[in-house]
Amino acid sequence: CVTRWSRLGNVWEGVATTELMRRAGVQPTARFVVLHACDQGWTTNLPLEDFLAEDALIADLHDGRPLA
C-alpha cells in the first residue's frame, strides 16, 4: 500500500473480468486492456493476462456497500 498502512479482511464484490470478456468478446491479437474510471479522467492499461486472472473483478461493492 502506498500510504504505509493496510486493512485486512476486505470483501470485494462485482463482475468477474473473465465473464465480462466472455460477453464482450476479445480480438485474438489483443494483449492489453485499457481501463477508464468514471471520476477525474483516470485511465490505465493492464496486460490481458493480468486482467483475466482467476480472482480479478470489476468491483462495485466493498464490504457490502456500494462504491462511491
N, C-alpha and C. Protein backbone atom coordinates (compact mmCIF):
# COMPACT_ATOMS: atom_id res chain seq x y z
N CYS A 1 0.84 -1.18 0.00
CA CYS A 1 0.00 0.00 0.00
C CYS A 1 0.88 1.24 0.00
N VAL A 2 0.56 2.20 -0.81
CA VAL A 2 1.39 3.39 -0.93
C VAL A 2 1.27 4.32 0.26
N THR A 3 0.25 4.14 1.09
CA THR A 3 0.09 5.02 2.25
C THR A 3 0.69 4.44 3.52
N ARG A 4 1.36 3.31 3.40
CA ARG A 4 2.08 2.66 4.51
C ARG A 4 1.18 2.08 5.57
N TRP A 5 -0.06 1.78 5.25
CA TRP A 5 -0.92 1.08 6.18
C TRP A 5 -1.75 0.09 5.38
N SER A 6 -2.27 -0.90 6.06
CA SER A 6 -3.08 -1.92 5.42
C SER A 6 -4.33 -2.19 6.24
N ARG A 7 -5.35 -2.67 5.57
CA ARG A 7 -6.58 -3.09 6.22
C ARG A 7 -6.86 -4.49 5.74
N LEU A 8 -6.87 -5.45 6.65
CA LEU A 8 -7.10 -6.84 6.29
C LEU A 8 -8.59 -7.15 6.30
N GLY A 9 -8.96 -8.24 5.63
CA GLY A 9 -10.33 -8.72 5.66
C GLY A 9 -11.29 -7.97 4.75
N ASN A 10 -10.79 -7.31 3.72
CA ASN A 10 -11.66 -6.61 2.76
C ASN A 10 -12.47 -7.62 1.96
N VAL A 11 -13.73 -7.31 1.72
CA VAL A 11 -14.58 -8.15 0.89
C VAL A 11 -15.04 -7.32 -0.30
N TRP A 12 -14.59 -7.72 -1.49
CA TRP A 12 -14.94 -7.03 -2.73
C TRP A 12 -15.94 -7.87 -3.49
N GLU A 13 -16.94 -7.22 -4.10
CA GLU A 13 -17.92 -7.91 -4.93
C GLU A 13 -18.07 -7.16 -6.24
N GLY A 14 -18.37 -7.91 -7.30
CA GLY A 14 -18.56 -7.30 -8.60
C GLY A 14 -18.67 -8.36 -9.67
N VAL A 15 -18.27 -7.98 -10.87
CA VAL A 15 -18.34 -8.86 -12.03
C VAL A 15 -16.95 -9.38 -12.34
N ALA A 16 -16.82 -10.70 -12.47
CA ALA A 16 -15.54 -11.29 -12.83
C ALA A 16 -15.12 -10.78 -14.21
N THR A 17 -13.85 -10.42 -14.34
CA THR A 17 -13.37 -9.92 -15.63
C THR A 17 -13.48 -10.98 -16.71
N THR A 18 -13.33 -12.25 -16.35
CA THR A 18 -13.48 -13.31 -17.34
C THR A 18 -14.91 -13.34 -17.90
N GLU A 19 -15.90 -13.11 -17.05
CA GLU A 19 -17.30 -13.07 -17.51
C GLU A 19 -17.55 -11.84 -18.38
N LEU A 20 -16.99 -10.73 -18.00
CA LEU A 20 -17.12 -9.51 -18.78
C LEU A 20 -16.56 -9.71 -20.18
N MET A 21 -15.37 -10.29 -20.27
CA MET A 21 -14.74 -10.51 -21.57
C MET A 21 -15.47 -11.59 -22.36
N ARG A 22 -16.02 -12.57 -21.70
CA ARG A 22 -16.78 -13.61 -22.40
C ARG A 22 -17.97 -12.98 -23.11
N ARG A 23 -18.64 -12.06 -22.42
CA ARG A 23 -19.82 -11.40 -23.00
C ARG A 23 -19.45 -10.36 -24.05
N ALA A 24 -18.37 -9.63 -23.82
CA ALA A 24 -17.98 -8.55 -24.73
C ALA A 24 -17.19 -9.06 -25.93
N GLY A 25 -16.47 -10.13 -25.74
CA GLY A 25 -15.59 -10.63 -26.78
C GLY A 25 -14.25 -9.93 -26.74
N VAL A 26 -13.28 -10.57 -27.33
CA VAL A 26 -11.93 -10.01 -27.36
C VAL A 26 -11.26 -10.45 -28.66
N GLN A 27 -10.54 -9.54 -29.28
CA GLN A 27 -9.84 -9.89 -30.51
C GLN A 27 -8.71 -10.85 -30.18
N PRO A 28 -8.48 -11.83 -31.04
CA PRO A 28 -7.44 -12.83 -30.77
C PRO A 28 -6.04 -12.23 -30.62
N THR A 29 -5.81 -11.07 -31.21
CA THR A 29 -4.49 -10.43 -31.13
C THR A 29 -4.34 -9.50 -29.94
N ALA A 30 -5.40 -9.34 -29.15
CA ALA A 30 -5.36 -8.40 -28.01
C ALA A 30 -4.32 -8.84 -26.98
N ARG A 31 -3.58 -7.88 -26.46
CA ARG A 31 -2.59 -8.16 -25.42
C ARG A 31 -2.79 -7.30 -24.18
N PHE A 32 -3.54 -6.21 -24.31
CA PHE A 32 -3.74 -5.27 -23.20
C PHE A 32 -5.20 -4.84 -23.14
N VAL A 33 -5.62 -4.38 -21.96
CA VAL A 33 -6.93 -3.80 -21.73
C VAL A 33 -6.69 -2.38 -21.23
N VAL A 34 -7.47 -1.43 -21.73
CA VAL A 34 -7.40 -0.06 -21.24
C VAL A 34 -8.61 0.15 -20.33
N LEU A 35 -8.35 0.55 -19.10
CA LEU A 35 -9.41 0.79 -18.12
C LEU A 35 -9.61 2.29 -17.95
N HIS A 36 -10.88 2.71 -17.88
CA HIS A 36 -11.25 4.11 -17.69
C HIS A 36 -12.11 4.20 -16.44
N ALA A 37 -11.76 5.09 -15.53
CA ALA A 37 -12.58 5.31 -14.33
C ALA A 37 -13.64 6.35 -14.62
N CYS A 38 -14.69 6.33 -13.84
CA CYS A 38 -15.78 7.29 -14.05
C CYS A 38 -15.50 8.63 -13.38
N ASP A 39 -14.41 8.74 -12.65
CA ASP A 39 -14.14 10.00 -11.96
C ASP A 39 -12.75 10.53 -12.31
N GLN A 40 -12.63 11.79 -12.50
CA GLN A 40 -11.36 12.51 -12.66
C GLN A 40 -10.51 12.04 -13.83
N GLY A 41 -11.09 11.37 -14.82
CA GLY A 41 -10.37 11.02 -16.03
C GLY A 41 -9.27 10.00 -15.88
N TRP A 42 -9.27 9.23 -14.82
CA TRP A 42 -8.23 8.23 -14.56
C TRP A 42 -8.29 7.12 -15.60
N THR A 43 -7.14 6.74 -16.16
CA THR A 43 -7.05 5.59 -17.06
C THR A 43 -5.77 4.84 -16.76
N THR A 44 -5.74 3.57 -17.14
CA THR A 44 -4.53 2.77 -17.07
C THR A 44 -4.66 1.62 -18.05
N ASN A 45 -3.54 1.06 -18.44
CA ASN A 45 -3.57 -0.14 -19.26
C ASN A 45 -3.06 -1.31 -18.43
N LEU A 46 -3.51 -2.49 -18.77
CA LEU A 46 -3.19 -3.68 -18.00
C LEU A 46 -3.02 -4.84 -18.97
N PRO A 47 -1.99 -5.66 -18.79
CA PRO A 47 -1.86 -6.83 -19.66
C PRO A 47 -3.11 -7.70 -19.56
N LEU A 48 -3.58 -8.19 -20.70
CA LEU A 48 -4.79 -9.01 -20.74
C LEU A 48 -4.67 -10.20 -19.81
N GLU A 49 -3.49 -10.77 -19.73
CA GLU A 49 -3.26 -11.92 -18.83
C GLU A 49 -3.58 -11.57 -17.38
N ASP A 50 -3.19 -10.38 -16.94
CA ASP A 50 -3.49 -9.95 -15.57
C ASP A 50 -4.97 -9.62 -15.39
N PHE A 51 -5.55 -8.96 -16.39
CA PHE A 51 -6.97 -8.60 -16.34
C PHE A 51 -7.85 -9.84 -16.21
N LEU A 52 -7.43 -10.94 -16.83
CA LEU A 52 -8.21 -12.17 -16.82
C LEU A 52 -7.79 -13.15 -15.74
N ALA A 53 -7.05 -12.69 -14.74
CA ALA A 53 -6.64 -13.55 -13.63
C ALA A 53 -7.88 -14.14 -12.95
N GLU A 54 -7.73 -15.30 -12.37
CA GLU A 54 -8.84 -16.02 -11.76
C GLU A 54 -9.60 -15.20 -10.72
N ASP A 55 -8.89 -14.36 -9.98
CA ASP A 55 -9.54 -13.58 -8.90
C ASP A 55 -9.80 -12.12 -9.26
N ALA A 56 -9.67 -11.75 -10.54
CA ALA A 56 -9.86 -10.36 -10.96
C ALA A 56 -11.34 -10.05 -11.17
N LEU A 57 -11.75 -8.86 -10.75
CA LEU A 57 -13.14 -8.45 -10.97
C LEU A 57 -13.23 -6.94 -11.09
N ILE A 58 -14.34 -6.50 -11.66
CA ILE A 58 -14.69 -5.08 -11.67
C ILE A 58 -15.62 -4.90 -10.48
N ALA A 59 -15.12 -4.28 -9.44
CA ALA A 59 -15.85 -4.19 -8.17
C ALA A 59 -16.86 -3.06 -8.18
N ASP A 60 -18.01 -3.34 -7.56
CA ASP A 60 -18.99 -2.29 -7.33
C ASP A 60 -19.42 -2.25 -5.86
N LEU A 61 -18.96 -3.22 -5.07
CA LEU A 61 -19.25 -3.24 -3.64
C LEU A 61 -17.95 -3.50 -2.86
N HIS A 62 -17.83 -2.86 -1.72
CA HIS A 62 -16.73 -3.11 -0.79
C HIS A 62 -17.34 -3.32 0.59
N ASP A 63 -17.09 -4.48 1.15
CA ASP A 63 -17.68 -4.85 2.45
C ASP A 63 -19.20 -4.66 2.45
N GLY A 64 -19.84 -5.04 1.33
CA GLY A 64 -21.29 -4.98 1.22
C GLY A 64 -21.87 -3.62 0.92
N ARG A 65 -21.03 -2.61 0.74
CA ARG A 65 -21.54 -1.26 0.49
C ARG A 65 -21.11 -0.80 -0.90
N PRO A 66 -22.01 -0.11 -1.61
CA PRO A 66 -21.68 0.37 -2.96
C PRO A 66 -20.48 1.32 -2.92
N LEU A 67 -19.65 1.24 -3.95
CA LEU A 67 -18.54 2.17 -4.08
C LEU A 67 -19.09 3.54 -4.47
N ALA A 68 -18.47 4.56 -3.96
CA ALA A 68 -18.91 5.93 -4.27
C ALA A 68 -18.60 6.27 -5.72
